[in-house]
Amino acid sequence: MVLKQLLHRPGDIVYRLDDTTFILLLPSTNERVLAFCERCHGELSRANITVSTKVSVCTFQPSAELNDQHVLAKLQRLIESNRRQNKEAIMSLIEQPIDPSVLHDDI
């Protein structure tokens, strides 16, 4: 519920992977995603959650390699790496925007 209350845009989704792991699907989220995840982590801490809170965030840029297997593989590696940490943590894998944009031509 804490995480759902932080999501305000249509299309943003919280997915519960297991008792302590949640995935936030945030389409069209920019480089400010890390600040948003820090806010989520802080809200979870203030809610007196009794388990260690760890946040894993991955962003993706449009590319020929971007497909469901690519996304799942990166997420799985990041989540497993975060689980091995002995402390609360925010881990991120943030792809930088491609320049020039692959979506718009400079006209």
C-alpha atoms as a PDB file:
ATOM      1  CA  MET A   1       0.000   0.000   0.000  1.00  0.00           C
ATOM      2  CA  VAL A   2       2.858   2.393   0.789  1.00  0.00           C
ATOM      3  CA  LEU A   3       4.282   1.991  -2.716  1.00  0.00           C
ATOM      4  CA  LYS A   4       0.896   2.200  -4.442  1.00  0.00           C
ATOM      5  CA  GLN A   5       0.217   5.527  -2.730  1.00  0.00           C
ATOM      6  CA  LEU A   6       3.376   6.984  -4.285  1.00  0.00           C
ATOM      7  CA  LEU A   7       2.340   6.119  -7.842  1.00  0.00           C
ATOM      8  CA  HIS A   8       0.163   8.729  -9.506  1.00  0.00           C
ATOM      9  CA  ARG A   9       0.482   8.199 -13.258  1.00  0.00           C
ATOM     10  CA  PRO A  10      -1.650   5.907 -15.383  1.00  0.00           C
ATOM     11  CA  GLY A  11       0.428   2.884 -16.352  1.00  0.00           C
ATOM     12  CA  ASP A  12       2.614   2.864 -13.211  1.00  0.00           C
ATOM     13  CA  ILE A  13       2.382  -0.586 -11.627  1.00  0.00           C
ATOM     14  CA  VAL A  14       3.585  -2.234  -8.400  1.00  0.00           C
ATOM     15  CA  TYR A  15       4.275  -5.956  -8.789  1.00  0.00           C
ATOM     16  CA  ARG A  16       4.908  -8.155  -5.748  1.00  0.00           C
ATOM     17  CA  LEU A  17       7.607 -10.713  -6.567  1.00  0.00           C
ATOM     18  CA  ASP A  18       7.696 -12.266  -3.076  1.00  0.00           C
ATOM     19  CA  ASP A  19       7.204 -11.219   0.564  1.00  0.00           C
ATOM     20  CA  THR A  20      10.019  -8.675   0.506  1.00  0.00           C
ATOM     21  CA  THR A  21      10.560  -7.903  -3.177  1.00  0.00           C
ATOM     22  CA  PHE A  22       8.474  -5.511  -5.216  1.00  0.00           C
ATOM     23  CA  ILE A  23       8.969  -4.335  -8.769  1.00  0.00           C
ATOM     24  CA  LEU A  24       7.805  -0.911  -9.882  1.00  0.00           C
ATOM     25  CA  LEU A  25       7.007  -0.652 -13.581  1.00  0.00           C
ATOM     26  CA  LEU A  26       7.316   3.021 -14.458  1.00  0.00           C
ATOM     27  CA  PRO A  27       6.948   3.572 -18.207  1.00  0.00           C
ATOM     28  CA  SER A  28       8.488   6.721 -19.692  1.00  0.00           C
ATOM     29  CA  THR A  29      10.405   7.516 -16.513  1.00  0.00           C
ATOM     30  CA  ASN A  30      13.465   9.687 -16.958  1.00  0.00           C
ATOM     31  CA  GLU A  31      16.716  10.122 -15.082  1.00  0.00           C
ATOM     32  CA  ARG A  32      14.807  11.320 -11.981  1.00  0.00           C
ATOM     33  CA  VAL A  33      13.846   7.707 -11.285  1.00  0.00           C
ATOM     34  CA  LEU A  34      16.642   7.367  -8.706  1.00  0.00           C
ATOM     35  CA  ALA A  35      15.253  10.300  -6.689  1.00  0.00           C
ATOM     36  CA  PHE A  36      11.811   8.680  -6.838  1.00  0.00           C
ATOM     37  CA  CYS A  37      13.248   5.375  -5.580  1.00  0.00           C
ATOM     38  CA  GLU A  38      14.999   7.168  -2.728  1.00  0.00           C
ATOM     39  CA  ARG A  39      11.620   8.666  -1.819  1.00  0.00           C
ATOM     40  CA  CYS A  40      10.008   5.185  -1.928  1.00  0.00           C
ATOM     41  CA  HIS A  41      12.759   3.799   0.298  1.00  0.00           C
ATOM     42  CA  GLY A  42      12.272   6.642   2.770  1.00  0.00           C
ATOM     43  CA  GLU A  43       8.504   6.130   2.891  1.00  0.00           C
ATOM     44  CA  LEU A  44       8.963   2.404   3.492  1.00  0.00           C
ATOM     45  CA  SER A  45      11.360   3.191   6.353  1.00  0.00           C
ATOM     46  CA  ARG A  46       8.922   5.711   7.878  1.00  0.00           C
ATOM     47  CA  ALA A  47       6.099   3.144   7.644  1.00  0.00           C
ATOM     48  CA  ASN A  48       7.971   0.972  10.169  1.00  0.00           C
ATOM     49  CA  ILE A  49       8.249  -1.949   7.789  1.00  0.00           C
ATOM     50  CA  THR A  50       9.859  -4.725   9.847  1.00  0.00           C
ATOM     51  CA  VAL A  51      11.876  -6.272   7.000  1.00  0.00           C
ATOM     52  CA  SER A  52      14.977  -4.859   5.406  1.00  0.00           C
ATOM     53  CA  THR A  53      13.966  -2.594   2.550  1.00  0.00           C
ATOM     54  CA  LYS A  54      15.981  -2.809  -0.619  1.00  0.00           C
ATOM     55  CA  VAL A  55      15.120  -0.981  -3.818  1.00  0.00           C
ATOM     56  CA  SER A  56      16.346  -2.073  -7.230  1.00  0.00           C
ATOM     57  CA  VAL A  57      15.737   0.193 -10.196  1.00  0.00           C
ATOM     58  CA  CYS A  58      16.457  -0.336 -13.864  1.00  0.00           C
ATOM     59  CA  THR A  59      15.745   2.075 -16.700  1.00  0.00           C
ATOM     60  CA  PHE A  60      15.906   1.310 -20.387  1.00  0.00           C
ATOM     61  CA  GLN A  61      16.341   3.350 -23.534  1.00  0.00           C
ATOM     62  CA  PRO A  62      14.807   2.365 -26.861  1.00  0.00           C
ATOM     63  CA  SER A  63      17.125   0.063 -28.816  1.00  0.00           C
ATOM     64  CA  ALA A  64      17.038  -2.971 -31.084  1.00  0.00           C
ATOM     65  CA  GLU A  65      18.007  -5.173 -28.079  1.00  0.00           C
ATOM     66  CA  LEU A  66      15.117  -3.988 -25.920  1.00  0.00           C
ATOM     67  CA  ASN A  67      12.753  -6.927 -25.533  1.00  0.00           C
ATOM     68  CA  ASP A  68      11.213  -8.853 -22.666  1.00  0.00           C
ATOM     69  CA  GLN A  69      14.174 -11.261 -22.302  1.00  0.00           C
ATOM     70  CA  HIS A  70      16.651  -8.346 -22.167  1.00  0.00           C
ATOM     71  CA  VAL A  71      14.584  -6.561 -19.513  1.00  0.00           C
ATOM     72  CA  LEU A  72      14.034  -9.676 -17.391  1.00  0.00           C
ATOM     73  CA  ALA A  73      17.719 -10.649 -17.504  1.00  0.00           C
ATOM     74  CA  LYS A  74      18.864  -7.203 -16.351  1.00  0.00           C
ATOM     75  CA  LEU A  75      16.228  -7.031 -13.632  1.00  0.00           C
ATOM     76  CA  GLN A  76      17.065 -10.507 -12.348  1.00  0.00           C
ATOM     77  CA  ARG A  77      20.802  -9.707 -12.101  1.00  0.00           C
ATOM     78  CA  LEU A  78      20.098  -6.440 -10.303  1.00  0.00           C
ATOM     79  CA  ILE A  79      17.613  -7.987  -7.852  1.00  0.00           C
ATOM     80  CA  GLU A  80      19.961 -10.884  -7.038  1.00  0.00           C
ATOM     81  CA  SER A  81      22.864  -8.487  -6.514  1.00  0.00           C
ATOM     82  CA  ASN A  82      20.735  -6.364  -4.184  1.00  0.00           C
ATOM     83  CA  ARG A  83      19.574  -9.424  -2.218  1.00  0.00           C
ATOM     84  CA  ARG A  84      23.214 -10.329  -1.486  1.00  0.00           C
ATOM     85  CA  GLN A  85      23.725  -6.989   0.267  1.00  0.00           C
ATOM     86  CA  ASN A  86      23.724  -7.262   4.058  1.00  0.00           C
ATOM     87  CA  LYS A  87      22.101  -3.887   4.547  1.00  0.00           C
ATOM     88  CA  GLU A  88      19.283  -1.764   3.261  1.00  0.00           C
ATOM     89  CA  ALA A  89      20.186  -0.511  -0.161  1.00  0.00           C
ATOM     90  CA  ILE A  90      19.100   1.224  -3.322  1.00  0.00           C
ATOM     91  CA  MET A  91      20.787  -0.267  -6.362  1.00  0.00           C
ATOM     92  CA  SER A  92      20.337   1.102  -9.841  1.00  0.00           C
ATOM     93  CA  LEU A  93      21.140   0.356 -13.427  1.00  0.00           C
ATOM     94  CA  ILE A  94      20.157   3.474 -15.336  1.00  0.00           C
ATOM     95  CA  GLU A  95      20.719   3.595 -19.073  1.00  0.00           C
ATOM     96  CA  GLN A  96      21.619   7.013 -20.346  1.00  0.00           C
ATOM     97  CA  PRO A  97      19.579   8.571 -23.164  1.00  0.00           C
ATOM     98  CA  ILE A  98      20.871   7.919 -26.635  1.00  0.00           C
ATOM     99  CA  ASP A  99      21.900  11.027 -28.523  1.00  0.00           C
ATOM    100  CA  PRO A 100      20.654  11.677 -31.108  1.00  0.00           C
ATOM    101  CA  SER A 101      17.192  10.491 -30.160  1.00  0.00           C
ATOM    102  CA  VAL A 102      16.098   7.338 -31.939  1.00  0.00           C
ATOM    103  CA  LEU A 103      12.520   8.546 -31.729  1.00  0.00           C
ATOM    104  CA  HIS A 104      12.698  11.960 -33.382  1.00  0.00           C
ATOM    105  CA  ASP A 105      14.485  13.309 -36.416  1.00  0.00           C
ATOM    106  CA  ASP A 106      16.006  16.758 -36.240  1.00  0.00           C
ATOM    107  CA  ILE A 107      13.985  18.530 -38.891  1.00  0.00           C
END
